[in-house]
Amino acid sequence: QYKSTVDRSFIVSKTDPEGVITYANDEFCKISGYSREELIGRR
């Protein structure tokens, strides 16, 4: 529920220790214009 609330309210992403994206929420995809598939695995 916390995750869902944050995801609806903010632009959220997670990366591994090297800075590679492991999670991108819908808001990140919307503002960047990239799909989740284009973001995951990229820096």
PDB file of all heavy atoms in Angstrom:
ATOM      1  N   GLN A   1       0.829  -1.207   0.000  1.00  0.00           N
ATOM      2  CA  GLN A   1       0.000   0.000   0.000  1.00  0.00           C
ATOM      3  C   GLN A   1       0.865   1.260   0.000  1.00  0.00           C
ATOM      4  O   GLN A   1       0.545   2.237  -0.674  1.00  0.00           O
ATOM      5  CB  GLN A   1      -0.934  -0.002   1.206  1.00  0.00           C
ATOM      6  CG  GLN A   1      -2.027  -1.049   1.090  1.00  0.00           C
ATOM      7  CD  GLN A   1      -2.918  -1.056   2.318  1.00  0.00           C
ATOM      8  OE1 GLN A   1      -3.167  -0.032   2.920  1.00  0.00           O
ATOM      9  NE2 GLN A   1      -3.391  -2.234   2.682  1.00  0.00           N
ATOM     10  N   TYR A   2       1.966   1.235   0.748  1.00  0.00           N
ATOM     11  CA  TYR A   2       2.889   2.382   0.742  1.00  0.00           C
ATOM     12  C   TYR A   2       3.456   2.584  -0.658  1.00  0.00           C
ATOM     13  O   TYR A   2       3.508   3.692  -1.171  1.00  0.00           O
ATOM     14  CB  TYR A   2       4.047   2.171   1.723  1.00  0.00           C
ATOM     15  CG  TYR A   2       3.665   2.264   3.172  1.00  0.00           C
ATOM     16  CD1 TYR A   2       3.867   1.187   4.029  1.00  0.00           C
ATOM     17  CD2 TYR A   2       3.115   3.432   3.694  1.00  0.00           C
ATOM     18  CE1 TYR A   2       3.523   1.264   5.367  1.00  0.00           C
ATOM     19  CE2 TYR A   2       2.768   3.522   5.035  1.00  0.00           C
ATOM     20  CZ  TYR A   2       2.972   2.433   5.867  1.00  0.00           C
ATOM     21  OH  TYR A   2       2.632   2.518   7.184  1.00  0.00           O
ATOM     22  N   LYS A   3       3.911   1.494  -1.268  1.00  0.00           N
ATOM     23  CA  LYS A   3       4.487   1.552  -2.608  1.00  0.00           C
ATOM     24  C   LYS A   3       3.462   2.113  -3.587  1.00  0.00           C
ATOM     25  O   LYS A   3       3.776   2.987  -4.400  1.00  0.00           O
ATOM     26  CB  LYS A   3       4.948   0.164  -3.055  1.00  0.00           C
ATOM     27  CG  LYS A   3       5.510   0.130  -4.458  1.00  0.00           C
ATOM     28  CD  LYS A   3       5.806  -1.300  -4.877  1.00  0.00           C
ATOM     29  CE  LYS A   3       6.150  -1.425  -6.319  1.00  0.00           C
ATOM     30  NZ  LYS A   3       5.151  -0.934  -7.241  1.00  0.00           N
ATOM     31  N   SER A   4       2.250   1.633  -3.512  1.00  0.00           N
ATOM     32  CA  SER A   4       1.195   2.087  -4.404  1.00  0.00           C
ATOM     33  C   SER A   4       0.920   3.576  -4.233  1.00  0.00           C
ATOM     34  O   SER A   4       0.760   4.309  -5.209  1.00  0.00           O
ATOM     35  CB  SER A   4      -0.079   1.276  -4.130  1.00  0.00           C
ATOM     36  OG  SER A   4      -1.125   1.746  -4.923  1.00  0.00           O
ATOM     37  N   THR A   5       0.906   4.043  -3.001  1.00  0.00           N
ATOM     38  CA  THR A   5       0.679   5.464  -2.726  1.00  0.00           C
ATOM     39  C   THR A   5       1.807   6.316  -3.289  1.00  0.00           C
ATOM     40  O   THR A   5       1.573   7.332  -3.940  1.00  0.00           O
ATOM     41  CB  THR A   5       0.547   5.702  -1.206  1.00  0.00           C
ATOM     42  OG1 THR A   5      -0.569   4.941  -0.725  1.00  0.00           O
ATOM     43  CG2 THR A   5       0.336   7.169  -0.890  1.00  0.00           C
ATOM     44  N   VAL A   6       3.036   5.907  -3.058  1.00  0.00           N
ATOM     45  CA  VAL A   6       4.193   6.649  -3.561  1.00  0.00           C
ATOM     46  C   VAL A   6       4.197   6.633  -5.083  1.00  0.00           C
ATOM     47  O   VAL A   6       4.421   7.666  -5.730  1.00  0.00           O
ATOM     48  CB  VAL A   6       5.510   6.078  -2.984  1.00  0.00           C
ATOM     49  CG1 VAL A   6       6.715   6.682  -3.681  1.00  0.00           C
ATOM     50  CG2 VAL A   6       5.581   6.340  -1.490  1.00  0.00           C
ATOM     51  N   ASP A   7       3.924   5.473  -5.689  1.00  0.00           N
ATOM     52  CA  ASP A   7       3.927   5.359  -7.146  1.00  0.00           C
ATOM     53  C   ASP A   7       2.874   6.250  -7.809  1.00  0.00           C
ATOM     54  O   ASP A   7       3.079   6.736  -8.912  1.00  0.00           O
ATOM     55  CB  ASP A   7       3.714   3.909  -7.583  1.00  0.00           C
ATOM     56  CG  ASP A   7       5.006   3.116  -7.647  1.00  0.00           C
ATOM     57  OD1 ASP A   7       6.079   3.735  -7.737  1.00  0.00           O
ATOM     58  OD2 ASP A   7       4.931   1.877  -7.619  1.00  0.00           O
ATOM     59  N   ARG A   8       1.759   6.462  -7.146  1.00  0.00           N
ATOM     60  CA  ARG A   8       0.719   7.319  -7.712  1.00  0.00           C
ATOM     61  C   ARG A   8       1.035   8.797  -7.526  1.00  0.00           C
ATOM     62  O   ARG A   8       0.486   9.639  -8.221  1.00  0.00           O
ATOM     63  CB  ARG A   8      -0.629   7.005  -7.070  1.00  0.00           C
ATOM     64  CG  ARG A   8      -1.280   5.745  -7.588  1.00  0.00           C
ATOM     65  CD  ARG A   8      -2.741   5.660  -7.184  1.00  0.00           C
ATOM     66  NE  ARG A   8      -2.931   5.680  -5.743  1.00  0.00           N
ATOM     67  CZ  ARG A   8      -3.056   4.592  -4.980  1.00  0.00           C
ATOM     68  NH1 ARG A   8      -2.990   3.403  -5.523  1.00  0.00           N
ATOM     69  NH2 ARG A   8      -3.238   4.703  -3.682  1.00  0.00           N
ATOM     70  N   SER A   9       1.918   9.115  -6.598  1.00  0.00           N
ATOM     71  CA  SER A   9       2.162  10.512  -6.238  1.00  0.00           C
ATOM     72  C   SER A   9       3.465  11.079  -6.770  1.00  0.00           C
ATOM     73  O   SER A   9       3.606  12.299  -6.860  1.00  0.00           O
ATOM     74  CB  SER A   9       2.167  10.644  -4.713  1.00  0.00           C
ATOM     75  OG  SER A   9       0.986  10.125  -4.161  1.00  0.00           O
ATOM     76  N   PHE A  10       4.425  10.235  -7.097  1.00  0.00           N
ATOM     77  CA  PHE A  10       5.768  10.693  -7.440  1.00  0.00           C
ATOM     78  C   PHE A  10       6.331   9.931  -8.636  1.00  0.00           C
ATOM     79  O   PHE A  10       5.824   8.887  -9.021  1.00  0.00           O
ATOM     80  CB  PHE A  10       6.722  10.504  -6.253  1.00  0.00           C
ATOM     81  CG  PHE A  10       6.308  11.270  -5.030  1.00  0.00           C
ATOM     82  CD1 PHE A  10       5.632  10.643  -3.993  1.00  0.00           C
ATOM     83  CD2 PHE A  10       6.588  12.621  -4.919  1.00  0.00           C
ATOM     84  CE1 PHE A  10       5.242  11.345  -2.868  1.00  0.00           C
ATOM     85  CE2 PHE A  10       6.206  13.335  -3.800  1.00  0.00           C
ATOM     86  CZ  PHE A  10       5.530  12.699  -2.760  1.00  0.00           C
ATOM     87  N   ILE A  11       7.433  10.446  -9.158  1.00  0.00           N
ATOM     88  CA  ILE A  11       8.219   9.779 -10.197  1.00  0.00           C
ATOM     89  C   ILE A  11       9.244   8.933  -9.444  1.00  0.00           C
ATOM     90  O   ILE A  11      10.047   9.479  -8.685  1.00  0.00           O
ATOM     91  CB  ILE A  11       8.902  10.819 -11.100  1.00  0.00           C
ATOM     92  CG1 ILE A  11       7.850  11.723 -11.744  1.00  0.00           C
ATOM     93  CG2 ILE A  11       9.787  10.140 -12.133  1.00  0.00           C
ATOM     94  CD1 ILE A  11       8.389  13.063 -12.193  1.00  0.00           C
ATOM     95  N   VAL A  12       9.205   7.622  -9.639  1.00  0.00           N
ATOM     96  CA  VAL A  12      10.028   6.716  -8.838  1.00  0.00           C
ATOM     97  C   VAL A  12      10.835   5.780  -9.735  1.00  0.00           C
ATOM     98  O   VAL A  12      10.328   5.275 -10.734  1.00  0.00           O
ATOM     99  CB  VAL A  12       9.156   5.867  -7.886  1.00  0.00           C
ATOM    100  CG1 VAL A  12      10.011   4.931  -7.035  1.00  0.00           C
ATOM    101  CG2 VAL A  12       8.283   6.743  -7.001  1.00  0.00           C
ATOM    102  N   SER A  13      12.086   5.577  -9.333  1.00  0.00           N
ATOM    103  CA  SER A  13      12.899   4.544  -9.973  1.00  0.00           C
ATOM    104  C   SER A  13      13.848   3.958  -8.941  1.00  0.00           C
ATOM    105  O   SER A  13      14.137   4.579  -7.920  1.00  0.00           O
ATOM    106  CB  SER A  13      13.690   5.099 -11.165  1.00  0.00           C
ATOM    107  OG  SER A  13      14.590   6.084 -10.742  1.00  0.00           O
ATOM    108  N   LYS A  14      14.299   2.751  -9.224  1.00  0.00           N
ATOM    109  CA  LYS A  14      15.321   2.102  -8.408  1.00  0.00           C
ATOM    110  C   LYS A  14      16.420   1.642  -9.346  1.00  0.00           C
ATOM    111  O   LYS A  14      16.167   1.319 -10.500  1.00  0.00           O
ATOM    112  CB  LYS A  14      14.753   0.897  -7.659  1.00  0.00           C
ATOM    113  CG  LYS A  14      13.784   1.263  -6.572  1.00  0.00           C
ATOM    114  CD  LYS A  14      13.312   0.133  -5.684  1.00  0.00           C
ATOM    115  CE  LYS A  14      13.486  -1.268  -6.137  1.00  0.00           C
ATOM    116  NZ  LYS A  14      12.993  -2.284  -5.212  1.00  0.00           N
ATOM    117  N   THR A  15      17.651   1.642  -8.819  1.00  0.00           N
ATOM    118  CA  THR A  15      18.782   1.126  -9.593  1.00  0.00           C
ATOM    119  C   THR A  15      19.588   0.175  -8.732  1.00  0.00           C
ATOM    120  O   THR A  15      19.507   0.200  -7.508  1.00  0.00           O
ATOM    121  CB  THR A  15      19.720   2.253 -10.077  1.00  0.00           C
ATOM    122  OG1 THR A  15      20.427   2.798  -8.963  1.00  0.00           O
ATOM    123  CG2 THR A  15      18.972   3.343 -10.817  1.00  0.00           C
ATOM    124  N   ASP A  16      20.393  -0.620  -9.397  1.00  0.00           N
ATOM    125  CA  ASP A  16      21.343  -1.472  -8.681  1.00  0.00           C
ATOM    126  C   ASP A  16      22.521  -0.589  -8.243  1.00  0.00           C
ATOM    127  O   ASP A  16      22.552   0.610  -8.553  1.00  0.00           O
ATOM    128  CB  ASP A  16      21.760  -2.671  -9.534  1.00  0.00           C
ATOM    129  CG  ASP A  16      22.604  -2.321 -10.749  1.00  0.00           C
ATOM    130  OD1 ASP A  16      23.099  -1.169 -10.857  1.00  0.00           O
ATOM    131  OD2 ASP A  16      22.792  -3.202 -11.600  1.00  0.00           O
ATOM    132  N   PRO A  17      23.499  -1.138  -7.528  1.00  0.00           N
ATOM    133  CA  PRO A  17      24.625  -0.318  -7.039  1.00  0.00           C
ATOM    134  C   PRO A  17      25.440   0.349  -8.151  1.00  0.00           C
ATOM    135  O   PRO A  17      26.129   1.336  -7.904  1.00  0.00           O
ATOM    136  CB  PRO A  17      25.494  -1.316  -6.270  1.00  0.00           C
ATOM    137  CG  PRO A  17      24.548  -2.381  -5.839  1.00  0.00           C
ATOM    138  CD  PRO A  17      23.550  -2.496  -6.964  1.00  0.00           C
ATOM    139  N   GLU A  18      25.344  -0.150  -9.372  1.00  0.00           N
ATOM    140  CA  GLU A  18      26.083   0.433 -10.495  1.00  0.00           C
ATOM    141  C   GLU A  18      25.276   1.489 -11.234  1.00  0.00           C
ATOM    142  O   GLU A  18      25.743   2.056 -12.213  1.00  0.00           O
ATOM    143  CB  GLU A  18      26.519  -0.665 -11.465  1.00  0.00           C
ATOM    144  CG  GLU A  18      27.352  -1.749 -10.819  1.00  0.00           C
ATOM    145  CD  GLU A  18      28.540  -1.208 -10.054  1.00  0.00           C
ATOM    146  OE1 GLU A  18      29.271  -0.369 -10.612  1.00  0.00           O
ATOM    147  OE2 GLU A  18      28.733  -1.615  -8.893  1.00  0.00           O
ATOM    148  N   GLY A  19      24.038   1.726 -10.793  1.00  0.00           N
ATOM    149  CA  GLY A  19      23.209   2.752 -11.425  1.00  0.00           C
ATOM    150  C   GLY A  19      22.359   2.256 -12.577  1.00  0.00           C
ATOM    151  O   GLY A  19      21.787   3.046 -13.321  1.00  0.00           O
ATOM    152  N   VAL A  20      22.211   0.942 -12.724  1.00  0.00           N
ATOM    153  CA  VAL A  20      21.384   0.371 -13.781  1.00  0.00           C
ATOM    154  C   VAL A  20      19.942   0.288 -13.260  1.00  0.00           C
ATOM    155  O   VAL A  20      19.691  -0.237 -12.173  1.00  0.00           O
ATOM    156  CB  VAL A  20      21.895  -1.024 -14.206  1.00  0.00           C
ATOM    157  CG1 VAL A  20      20.958  -1.676 -15.213  1.00  0.00           C
ATOM    158  CG2 VAL A  20      23.307  -0.913 -14.769  1.00  0.00           C
ATOM    159  N   ILE A  21      19.007   0.806 -14.033  1.00  0.00           N
ATOM    160  CA  ILE A  21      17.606   0.868 -13.610  1.00  0.00           C
ATOM    161  C   ILE A  21      17.022  -0.530 -13.477  1.00  0.00           C
ATOM    162  O   ILE A  21      17.084  -1.332 -14.413  1.00  0.00           O
ATOM    163  CB  ILE A  21      16.777   1.708 -14.609  1.00  0.00           C
ATOM    164  CG1 ILE A  21      17.334   3.139 -14.682  1.00  0.00           C
ATOM    165  CG2 ILE A  21      15.299   1.717 -14.219  1.00  0.00           C
ATOM    166  CD1 ILE A  21      16.764   3.986 -15.814  1.00  0.00           C
ATOM    167  N   THR A  22      16.441  -0.788 -12.305  1.00  0.00           N
ATOM    168  CA  THR A  22      15.781  -2.069 -12.043  1.00  0.00           C
ATOM    169  C   THR A  22      14.275  -1.909 -11.875  1.00  0.00           C
ATOM    170  O   THR A  22      13.538  -2.888 -11.901  1.00  0.00           O
ATOM    171  CB  THR A  22      16.353  -2.731 -10.776  1.00  0.00           C
ATOM    172  OG1 THR A  22      16.165  -1.837  -9.665  1.00  0.00           O
ATOM    173  CG2 THR A  22      17.830  -3.059 -10.946  1.00  0.00           C
ATOM    174  N   TYR A  23      13.830  -0.660 -11.681  1.00  0.00           N
ATOM    175  CA  TYR A  23      12.402  -0.378 -11.516  1.00  0.00           C
ATOM    176  C   TYR A  23      12.119   1.034 -11.997  1.00  0.00           C
ATOM    177  O   TYR A  23      12.891   1.960 -11.715  1.00  0.00           O
ATOM    178  CB  TYR A  23      11.986  -0.507 -10.042  1.00  0.00           C
ATOM    179  CG  TYR A  23      10.555  -0.093  -9.800  1.00  0.00           C
ATOM    180  CD1 TYR A  23       9.508  -0.959 -10.099  1.00  0.00           C
ATOM    181  CD2 TYR A  23      10.247   1.176  -9.316  1.00  0.00           C
ATOM    182  CE1 TYR A  23       8.189  -0.570  -9.916  1.00  0.00           C
ATOM    183  CE2 TYR A  23       8.931   1.561  -9.119  1.00  0.00           C
ATOM    184  CZ  TYR A  23       7.907   0.689  -9.421  1.00  0.00           C
ATOM    185  OH  TYR A  23       6.612   1.070  -9.244  1.00  0.00           O
ATOM    186  N   ALA A  24      11.046   1.199 -12.733  1.00  0.00           N
ATOM    187  CA  ALA A  24      10.581   2.515 -13.175  1.00  0.00           C
ATOM    188  C   ALA A  24       9.065   2.509 -13.104  1.00  0.00           C
ATOM    189  O   ALA A  24       8.429   1.623 -13.681  1.00  0.00           O
ATOM    190  CB  ALA A  24      11.048   2.796 -14.602  1.00  0.00           C
ATOM    191  N   ASN A  25       8.494   3.483 -12.381  1.00  0.00           N
ATOM    192  CA  ASN A  25       7.040   3.502 -12.274  1.00  0.00           C
ATOM    193  C   ASN A  25       6.418   4.189 -13.492  1.00  0.00           C
ATOM    194  O   ASN A  25       7.112   4.724 -14.364  1.00  0.00           O
ATOM    195  CB  ASN A  25       6.582   4.109 -10.950  1.00  0.00           C
ATOM    196  CG  ASN A  25       6.738   5.618 -10.869  1.00  0.00           C
ATOM    197  OD1 ASN A  25       7.401   6.258 -11.693  1.00  0.00           O
ATOM    198  ND2 ASN A  25       6.118   6.205  -9.860  1.00  0.00           N
ATOM    199  N   ASP A  26       5.092   4.169 -13.559  1.00  0.00           N
ATOM    200  CA  ASP A  26       4.375   4.753 -14.695  1.00  0.00           C
ATOM    201  C   ASP A  26       4.676   6.236 -14.864  1.00  0.00           C
ATOM    202  O   ASP A  26       4.778   6.728 -15.992  1.00  0.00           O
ATOM    203  CB  ASP A  26       2.869   4.556 -14.535  1.00  0.00           C
ATOM    204  CG  ASP A  26       2.440   3.104 -14.674  1.00  0.00           C
ATOM    205  OD1 ASP A  26       3.207   2.295 -15.246  1.00  0.00           O
ATOM    206  OD2 ASP A  26       1.331   2.772 -14.214  1.00  0.00           O
ATOM    207  N   GLU A  27       4.820   6.965 -13.746  1.00  0.00           N
ATOM    208  CA  GLU A  27       5.092   8.402 -13.822  1.00  0.00           C
ATOM    209  C   GLU A  27       6.454   8.676 -14.461  1.00  0.00           C
ATOM    210  O   GLU A  27       6.612   9.653 -15.199  1.00  0.00           O
ATOM    211  CB  GLU A  27       5.003   9.037 -12.444  1.00  0.00           C
ATOM    212  CG  GLU A  27       3.602   9.050 -11.863  1.00  0.00           C
ATOM    213  CD  GLU A  27       2.607   9.799 -12.738  1.00  0.00           C
ATOM    214  OE1 GLU A  27       2.921  10.936 -13.165  1.00  0.00           O
ATOM    215  OE2 GLU A  27       1.520   9.256 -13.000  1.00  0.00           O
ATOM    216  N   PHE A  28       7.443   7.837 -14.176  1.00  0.00           N
ATOM    217  CA  PHE A  28       8.755   7.994 -14.802  1.00  0.00           C
ATOM    218  C   PHE A  28       8.643   7.755 -16.307  1.00  0.00           C
ATOM    219  O   PHE A  28       9.201   8.495 -17.124  1.00  0.00           O
ATOM    220  CB  PHE A  28       9.775   7.052 -14.150  1.00  0.00           C
ATOM    221  CG  PHE A  28      11.195   7.222 -14.623  1.00  0.00           C
ATOM    222  CD1 PHE A  28      11.660   8.423 -15.116  1.00  0.00           C
ATOM    223  CD2 PHE A  28      12.080   6.165 -14.562  1.00  0.00           C
ATOM    224  CE1 PHE A  28      12.988   8.568 -15.549  1.00  0.00           C
ATOM    225  CE2 PHE A  28      13.391   6.294 -14.987  1.00  0.00           C
ATOM    226  CZ  PHE A  28      13.836   7.497 -15.488  1.00  0.00           C
ATOM    227  N   CYS A  29       7.906   6.721 -16.679  1.00  0.00           N
ATOM    228  CA  CYS A  29       7.708   6.436 -18.102  1.00  0.00           C
ATOM    229  C   CYS A  29       6.988   7.596 -18.782  1.00  0.00           C
ATOM    230  O   CYS A  29       7.371   8.015 -19.883  1.00  0.00           O
ATOM    231  CB  CYS A  29       6.924   5.142 -18.277  1.00  0.00           C
ATOM    232  SG  CYS A  29       7.790   3.671 -17.671  1.00  0.00           S
ATOM    233  N   LYS A  30       5.981   8.130 -18.114  1.00  0.00           N
ATOM    234  CA  LYS A  30       5.201   9.218 -18.700  1.00  0.00           C
ATOM    235  C   LYS A  30       6.043  10.473 -18.915  1.00  0.00           C
ATOM    236  O   LYS A  30       6.019  11.055 -19.997  1.00  0.00           O
ATOM    237  CB  LYS A  30       3.998   9.530 -17.797  1.00  0.00           C
ATOM    238  CG  LYS A  30       3.032  10.522 -18.407  1.00  0.00           C
ATOM    239  CD  LYS A  30       1.697  10.545 -17.683  1.00  0.00           C
ATOM    240  CE  LYS A  30       1.815  11.114 -16.300  1.00  0.00           C
ATOM    241  NZ  LYS A  30       0.514  11.299 -15.637  1.00  0.00           N
ATOM    242  N   ILE A  31       6.796  10.898 -17.915  1.00  0.00           N
ATOM    243  CA  ILE A  31       7.570  12.132 -18.048  1.00  0.00           C
ATOM    244  C   ILE A  31       8.743  11.976 -19.007  1.00  0.00           C
ATOM    245  O   ILE A  31       9.091  12.911 -19.728  1.00  0.00           O
ATOM    246  CB  ILE A  31       8.052  12.673 -16.682  1.00  0.00           C
ATOM    247  CG1 ILE A  31       8.485  14.137 -16.842  1.00  0.00           C
ATOM    248  CG2 ILE A  31       9.155  11.820 -16.096  1.00  0.00           C
ATOM    249  CD1 ILE A  31       8.706  14.872 -15.544  1.00  0.00           C
ATOM    250  N   SER A  32       9.348  10.795 -19.062  1.00  0.00           N
ATOM    251  CA  SER A  32      10.527  10.603 -19.911  1.00  0.00           C
ATOM    252  C   SER A  32      10.172  10.253 -21.350  1.00  0.00           C
ATOM    253  O   SER A  32      10.991  10.453 -22.252  1.00  0.00           O
ATOM    254  CB  SER A  32      11.420   9.501 -19.337  1.00  0.00           C
ATOM    255  OG  SER A  32      10.811   8.231 -19.476  1.00  0.00           O
ATOM    256  N   GLY A  33       8.974   9.704 -21.554  1.00  0.00           N
ATOM    257  CA  GLY A  33       8.587   9.270 -22.890  1.00  0.00           C
ATOM    258  C   GLY A  33       9.106   7.892 -23.258  1.00  0.00           C
ATOM    259  O   GLY A  33       8.863   7.404 -24.360  1.00  0.00           O
ATOM    260  N   TYR A  34       9.823   7.251 -22.337  1.00  0.00           N
ATOM    261  CA  TYR A  34      10.336   5.904 -22.573  1.00  0.00           C
ATOM    262  C   TYR A  34       9.389   4.880 -21.966  1.00  0.00           C
ATOM    263  O   TYR A  34       8.770   5.123 -20.932  1.00  0.00           O
ATOM    264  CB  TYR A  34      11.710   5.715 -21.920  1.00  0.00           C
ATOM    265  CG  TYR A  34      12.824   6.458 -22.612  1.00  0.00           C
ATOM    266  CD1 TYR A  34      13.241   7.699 -22.148  1.00  0.00           C
ATOM    267  CD2 TYR A  34      13.472   5.916 -23.721  1.00  0.00           C
ATOM    268  CE1 TYR A  34      14.270   8.389 -22.777  1.00  0.00           C
ATOM    269  CE2 TYR A  34      14.497   6.592 -24.349  1.00  0.00           C
ATOM    270  CZ  TYR A  34      14.896   7.835 -23.868  1.00  0.00           C
ATOM    271  OH  TYR A  34      15.906   8.506 -24.494  1.00  0.00           O
ATOM    272  N   SER A  35       9.299   3.721 -22.581  1.00  0.00           N
ATOM    273  CA  SER A  35       8.531   2.619 -22.004  1.00  0.00           C
ATOM    274  C   SER A  35       9.352   2.001 -20.869  1.00  0.00           C
ATOM    275  O   SER A  35      10.568   2.194 -20.797  1.00  0.00           O
ATOM    276  CB  SER A  35       8.229   1.559 -23.067  1.00  0.00           C
ATOM    277  OG  SER A  35       9.417   0.882 -23.439  1.00  0.00           O
ATOM    278  N   ARG A  36       8.696   1.260 -20.039  1.00  0.00           N
ATOM    279  CA  ARG A  36       9.384   0.558 -18.953  1.00  0.00           C
ATOM    280  C   ARG A  36      10.454  -0.379 -19.525  1.00  0.00           C
ATOM    281  O   ARG A  36      11.554  -0.464 -19.001  1.00  0.00           O
ATOM    282  CB  ARG A  36       8.360  -0.222 -18.112  1.00  0.00           C
ATOM    283  CG  ARG A  36       8.922  -0.808 -16.847  1.00  0.00           C
ATOM    284  CD  ARG A  36       7.826  -1.346 -15.920  1.00  0.00           C
ATOM    285  NE  ARG A  36       7.197  -0.247 -15.186  1.00  0.00           N
ATOM    286  CZ  ARG A  36       5.986   0.243 -15.436  1.00  0.00           C
ATOM    287  NH1 ARG A  36       5.239  -0.275 -16.392  1.00  0.00           N
ATOM    288  NH2 ARG A  36       5.498   1.236 -14.730  1.00  0.00           N
ATOM    289  N   GLU A  37      10.129  -1.035 -20.629  1.00  0.00           N
ATOM    290  CA  GLU A  37      11.065  -1.957 -21.266  1.00  0.00           C
ATOM    291  C   GLU A  37      12.311  -1.238 -21.763  1.00  0.00           C
ATOM    292  O   GLU A  37      13.407  -1.800 -21.765  1.00  0.00           O
ATOM    293  CB  GLU A  37      10.387  -2.707 -22.420  1.00  0.00           C
ATOM    294  CG  GLU A  37       9.302  -3.668 -21.986  1.00  0.00           C
ATOM    295  CD  GLU A  37       7.993  -2.986 -21.571  1.00  0.00           C
ATOM    296  OE1 GLU A  37       7.721  -1.832 -22.009  1.00  0.00           O
ATOM    297  OE2 GLU A  37       7.256  -3.590 -20.785  1.00  0.00           O
ATOM    298  N   GLU A  38      12.155   0.016 -22.210  1.00  0.00           N
ATOM    299  CA  GLU A  38      13.306   0.789 -22.681  1.00  0.00           C
ATOM    300  C   GLU A  38      14.176   1.279 -21.528  1.00  0.00           C
ATOM    301  O   GLU A  38      15.362   1.537 -21.716  1.00  0.00           O
ATOM    302  CB  GLU A  38      12.834   2.004 -23.491  1.00  0.00           C
ATOM    303  CG  GLU A  38      12.214   1.647 -24.823  1.00  0.00           C
ATOM    304  CD  GLU A  38      11.628   2.855 -25.524  1.00  0.00           C
ATOM    305  OE1 GLU A  38      10.723   3.499 -24.963  1.00  0.00           O
ATOM    306  OE2 GLU A  38      12.085   3.155 -26.645  1.00  0.00           O
ATOM    307  N   LEU A  39      13.580   1.421 -20.334  1.00  0.00           N
ATOM    308  CA  LEU A  39      14.317   1.939 -19.177  1.00  0.00           C
ATOM    309  C   LEU A  39      15.023   0.851 -18.373  1.00  0.00           C
ATOM    310  O   LEU A  39      16.175   1.026 -17.973  1.00  0.00           O
ATOM    311  CB  LEU A  39      13.367   2.723 -18.264  1.00  0.00           C
ATOM    312  CG  LEU A  39      12.817   4.021 -18.841  1.00  0.00           C
ATOM    313  CD1 LEU A  39      11.674   4.549 -17.980  1.00  0.00           C
ATOM    314  CD2 LEU A  39      13.921   5.055 -18.974  1.00  0.00           C
ATOM    315  N   ILE A  40      14.331  -0.253 -18.121  1.00  0.00           N
ATOM    316  CA  ILE A  40      14.893  -1.323 -17.291  1.00  0.00           C
ATOM    317  C   ILE A  40      16.146  -1.877 -17.971  1.00  0.00           C
ATOM    318  O   ILE A  40      16.144  -2.198 -19.153  1.00  0.00           O
ATOM    319  CB  ILE A  40      13.867  -2.448 -17.048  1.00  0.00           C
ATOM    320  CG1 ILE A  40      12.591  -1.910 -16.395  1.00  0.00           C
ATOM    321  CG2 ILE A  40      14.487  -3.583 -16.220  1.00  0.00           C
ATOM    322  CD1 ILE A  40      12.752  -1.328 -15.020  1.00  0.00           C
ATOM    323  N   GLY A  41      17.218  -1.963 -17.188  1.00  0.00           N
ATOM    324  CA  GLY A  41      18.475  -2.479 -17.709  1.00  0.00           C
ATOM    325  C   GLY A  41      19.394  -1.402 -18.275  1.00  0.00           C
ATOM    326  O   GLY A  41      20.519  -1.692 -18.666  1.00  0.00           O
ATOM    327  N   ARG A  42      18.910  -0.160 -18.306  1.00  0.00           N
ATOM    328  CA  ARG A  42      19.719   0.956 -18.796  1.00  0.00           C
ATOM    329  C   ARG A  42      20.131   1.830 -17.614  1.00  0.00           C
ATOM    330  O   ARG A  42      19.537   1.792 -16.555  1.00  0.00           O
ATOM    331  CB  ARG A  42      18.909   1.820 -19.778  1.00  0.00           C
ATOM    332  CG  ARG A  42      18.396   1.095 -21.009  1.00  0.00           C
ATOM    333  CD  ARG A  42      19.437   0.886 -22.089  1.00  0.00           C
ATOM    334  NE  ARG A  42      20.088   2.088 -22.537  1.00  0.00           N
ATOM    335  CZ  ARG A  42      19.713   2.838 -23.551  1.00  0.00           C
ATOM    336  NH1 ARG A  42      18.639   2.523 -24.250  1.00  0.00           N
ATOM    337  NH2 ARG A  42      20.405   3.913 -23.892  1.00  0.00           N
ATOM    338  N   ARG A  43      21.106   2.658 -17.826  1.00  0.00           N
ATOM    339  CA  ARG A  43      21.523   3.608 -16.801  1.00  0.00           C
ATOM    340  C   ARG A  43      20.645   4.852 -16.896  1.00  0.00           C
ATOM    341  O   ARG A  43      20.055   5.119 -17.934  1.00  0.00           O
ATOM    342  CB  ARG A  43      22.984   3.994 -17.001  1.00  0.00           C
ATOM    343  CG  ARG A  43      23.947   2.819 -16.768  1.00  0.00           C
ATOM    344  CD  ARG A  43      25.338   3.231 -17.113  1.00  0.00           C
ATOM    345  NE  ARG A  43      26.419   2.887 -16.257  1.00  0.00           N
ATOM    346  CZ  ARG A  43      26.496   2.828 -14.935  1.00  0.00           C
ATOM    347  NH1 ARG A  43      25.477   3.094 -14.225  1.00  0.00           N
ATOM    348  NH2 ARG A  43      27.593   2.502 -14.315  1.00  0.00           N
TER     349      ARG A  43
END
